[in-house]
Structure formats: C-alpha cells, structure tokens
Amino acid sequence: MSLKAMQPDPFQLFADSVREGRVFHGRVTKLVPFGVFVEVADGVEGLVHLRELTEAPVKAPEEVARVGEALSVAVIEVDRERRRLALSLRQVPPDSW
C-alpha cells in the first residue's frame, strides 16, 4: 500500500466542510473550451463553467481569466460520487472580492 493511499482524500475532506454559496479565493489552474478550473484548496479543483463566468455570455474563457490569476468563486454544487466541484464567478457577492 502506498503512502498516498493511506492519506485522507483531500476532496472528501473538503466536501465534508463546505456548503453551497461559500466563497473561496483560488488560482486559475487551467483554461478549457467550456470553462476555467480553479484550485480552491490543496489538491481540490473545481470548474467554473462558461455560463458562470459573467452575467454576459462569453465564447471563450480567455475573455475573462488567465492561468495563475487569483479569483473569488462561490461553490454552487458538490458532487461527491463523481468528485466534481461546480463553482461560479458571477454568483460571488460584490463584498467578497
């Protein structure tokens, strides 16, 4: 058994402590055609879908974000079974920036 297998799963630990609507400050790790991946905790990334980047429609994530950029994002869904974290940039309250 590997040392990593003996460590707690960072995603599950994160999922245990988070609720929808909570705002995190993270870094953009990757841009993909359908959105932006943001690391919100060590070993935990979530997706900000294109429709959640801004109020106005965007065609490409490059219009809004760059890799390495710091963003404030709100949790909109935690899917434990598929280990997916859905995030939103447009649902972050203005006082959280």
C-alpha atoms as a PDB file:
ATOM      1  CA  MET A   1       0.000   0.000   0.000  1.00  0.00           C
ATOM      2  CA  SER A   2       1.339   3.415  -0.910  1.00  0.00           C
ATOM      3  CA  LEU A   3       1.758   6.313   1.471  1.00  0.00           C
ATOM      4  CA  LYS A   4      -0.694   8.344  -0.616  1.00  0.00           C
ATOM      5  CA  ALA A   5      -3.362   5.649  -0.276  1.00  0.00           C
ATOM      6  CA  MET A   6      -3.080   5.931   3.495  1.00  0.00           C
ATOM      7  CA  GLN A   7      -3.694   9.706   3.465  1.00  0.00           C
ATOM      8  CA  PRO A   8      -7.224  11.128   3.688  1.00  0.00           C
ATOM      9  CA  ASP A   9      -8.755  12.118   0.356  1.00  0.00           C
ATOM     10  CA  PRO A  10      -8.471  15.936   0.046  1.00  0.00           C
ATOM     11  CA  PHE A  11     -11.682  16.155  -1.994  1.00  0.00           C
ATOM     12  CA  GLN A  12     -13.741  14.246   0.562  1.00  0.00           C
ATOM     13  CA  LEU A  13     -12.312  16.303   3.437  1.00  0.00           C
ATOM     14  CA  PHE A  14     -13.180  19.458   1.508  1.00  0.00           C
ATOM     15  CA  ALA A  15     -16.690  18.182   0.707  1.00  0.00           C
ATOM     16  CA  ASP A  16     -17.288  17.460   4.398  1.00  0.00           C
ATOM     17  CA  SER A  17     -16.552  21.055   5.360  1.00  0.00           C
ATOM     18  CA  VAL A  18     -18.101  23.107   2.547  1.00  0.00           C
ATOM     19  CA  ARG A  19     -21.610  24.267   1.785  1.00  0.00           C
ATOM     20  CA  GLU A  20     -23.171  25.770  -1.318  1.00  0.00           C
ATOM     21  CA  GLY A  21     -22.756  29.517  -1.532  1.00  0.00           C
ATOM     22  CA  ARG A  22     -19.444  29.598   0.327  1.00  0.00           C
ATOM     23  CA  VAL A  23     -16.861  31.835  -1.310  1.00  0.00           C
ATOM     24  CA  PHE A  24     -13.245  30.789  -1.790  1.00  0.00           C
ATOM     25  CA  HIS A  25     -10.247  32.643  -3.133  1.00  0.00           C
ATOM     26  CA  GLY A  26      -8.291  30.446  -5.515  1.00  0.00           C
ATOM     27  CA  ARG A  27      -5.982  30.356  -8.515  1.00  0.00           C
ATOM     28  CA  VAL A  28      -6.844  29.504 -12.096  1.00  0.00           C
ATOM     29  CA  THR A  29      -5.035  26.279 -12.988  1.00  0.00           C
ATOM     30  CA  LYS A  30      -6.349  25.554 -16.467  1.00  0.00           C
ATOM     31  CA  LEU A  31      -8.497  27.028 -19.228  1.00  0.00           C
ATOM     32  CA  VAL A  32     -10.643  24.626 -21.255  1.00  0.00           C
ATOM     33  CA  PRO A  33     -13.157  25.354 -24.041  1.00  0.00           C
ATOM     34  CA  PHE A  34     -16.101  25.007 -21.616  1.00  0.00           C
ATOM     35  CA  GLY A  35     -14.713  26.934 -18.638  1.00  0.00           C
ATOM     36  CA  VAL A  36     -11.982  27.535 -16.088  1.00  0.00           C
ATOM     37  CA  PHE A  37     -10.527  25.249 -13.420  1.00  0.00           C
ATOM     38  CA  VAL A  38      -9.750  26.930 -10.101  1.00  0.00           C
ATOM     39  CA  GLU A  39      -7.830  25.415  -7.183  1.00  0.00           C
ATOM     40  CA  VAL A  40      -9.751  26.332  -4.020  1.00  0.00           C
ATOM     41  CA  ALA A  41      -7.795  24.183  -1.534  1.00  0.00           C
ATOM     42  CA  ASP A  42      -4.696  21.986  -1.618  1.00  0.00           C
ATOM     43  CA  GLY A  43      -5.457  19.197  -4.066  1.00  0.00           C
ATOM     44  CA  VAL A  44      -9.016  20.405  -4.739  1.00  0.00           C
ATOM     45  CA  GLU A  45     -10.016  22.000  -8.044  1.00  0.00           C
ATOM     46  CA  GLY A  46     -13.421  22.979  -9.311  1.00  0.00           C
ATOM     47  CA  LEU A  47     -14.872  24.085 -12.631  1.00  0.00           C
ATOM     48  CA  VAL A  48     -16.342  27.478 -13.373  1.00  0.00           C
ATOM     49  CA  HIS A  49     -18.454  26.766 -16.448  1.00  0.00           C
ATOM     50  CA  LEU A  50     -18.571  29.441 -19.183  1.00  0.00           C
ATOM     51  CA  ARG A  51     -22.125  30.376 -18.184  1.00  0.00           C
ATOM     52  CA  GLU A  52     -20.930  31.036 -14.608  1.00  0.00           C
ATOM     53  CA  LEU A  53     -18.028  33.324 -15.551  1.00  0.00           C
ATOM     54  CA  THR A  54     -20.001  36.533 -16.142  1.00  0.00           C
ATOM     55  CA  GLU A  55     -23.549  37.817 -16.483  1.00  0.00           C
ATOM     56  CA  ALA A  56     -22.939  38.474 -20.189  1.00  0.00           C
ATOM     57  CA  PRO A  57     -22.320  35.416 -22.371  1.00  0.00           C
ATOM     58  CA  VAL A  58     -18.689  34.670 -23.248  1.00  0.00           C
ATOM     59  CA  LYS A  59     -17.407  32.433 -26.039  1.00  0.00           C
ATOM     60  CA  ALA A  60     -14.022  31.560 -24.563  1.00  0.00           C
ATOM     61  CA  PRO A  61     -12.620  31.504 -21.034  1.00  0.00           C
ATOM     62  CA  GLU A  62      -9.670  33.650 -22.169  1.00  0.00           C
ATOM     63  CA  GLU A  63     -12.094  36.585 -22.325  1.00  0.00           C
ATOM     64  CA  VAL A  64     -12.387  36.505 -18.520  1.00  0.00           C
ATOM     65  CA  ALA A  65      -9.446  34.677 -16.904  1.00  0.00           C
ATOM     66  CA  ARG A  66      -5.783  33.705 -17.255  1.00  0.00           C
ATOM     67  CA  VAL A  67      -3.847  30.772 -15.804  1.00  0.00           C
ATOM     68  CA  GLY A  68      -2.316  31.800 -12.484  1.00  0.00           C
ATOM     69  CA  GLU A  69      -4.836  34.575 -11.885  1.00  0.00           C
ATOM     70  CA  ALA A  70      -6.446  34.801  -8.449  1.00  0.00           C
ATOM     71  CA  LEU A  71     -10.256  34.636  -8.431  1.00  0.00           C
ATOM     72  CA  SER A  72     -13.017  34.623  -5.850  1.00  0.00           C
ATOM     73  CA  VAL A  73     -15.527  31.879  -6.623  1.00  0.00           C
ATOM     74  CA  ALA A  74     -18.700  30.596  -4.992  1.00  0.00           C
ATOM     75  CA  VAL A  75     -19.498  26.904  -4.565  1.00  0.00           C
ATOM     76  CA  ILE A  76     -22.702  26.030  -6.401  1.00  0.00           C
ATOM     77  CA  GLU A  77     -22.566  22.217  -6.248  1.00  0.00           C
ATOM     78  CA  VAL A  78     -20.500  19.437  -4.677  1.00  0.00           C
ATOM     79  CA  ASP A  79     -20.876  16.040  -6.356  1.00  0.00           C
ATOM     80  CA  ARG A  80     -19.191  13.508  -4.058  1.00  0.00           C
ATOM     81  CA  GLU A  81     -19.839  10.489  -6.273  1.00  0.00           C
ATOM     82  CA  ARG A  82     -18.271  11.980  -9.389  1.00  0.00           C
ATOM     83  CA  ARG A  83     -15.781  14.030  -7.329  1.00  0.00           C
ATOM     84  CA  ARG A  84     -16.794  17.253  -9.044  1.00  0.00           C
ATOM     85  CA  LEU A  85     -16.972  20.747  -7.684  1.00  0.00           C
ATOM     86  CA  ALA A  86     -19.049  23.324  -9.575  1.00  0.00           C
ATOM     87  CA  LEU A  87     -18.068  26.934  -8.996  1.00  0.00           C
ATOM     88  CA  SER A  88     -19.355  30.345 -10.060  1.00  0.00           C
ATOM     89  CA  LEU A  89     -17.630  33.653 -10.560  1.00  0.00           C
ATOM     90  CA  ARG A  90     -20.813  35.581 -11.287  1.00  0.00           C
ATOM     91  CA  GLN A  91     -22.587  34.430  -8.096  1.00  0.00           C
ATOM     92  CA  VAL A  92     -19.893  35.849  -5.799  1.00  0.00           C
ATOM     93  CA  PRO A  93     -21.328  38.735  -3.755  1.00  0.00           C
ATOM     94  CA  PRO A  94     -19.507  42.009  -4.569  1.00  0.00           C
ATOM     95  CA  ASP A  95     -18.433  42.460  -0.938  1.00  0.00           C
ATOM     96  CA  SER A  96     -16.451  39.164  -1.138  1.00  0.00           C
ATOM     97  CA  TRP A  97     -13.853  40.491  -3.619  1.00  0.00           C
END
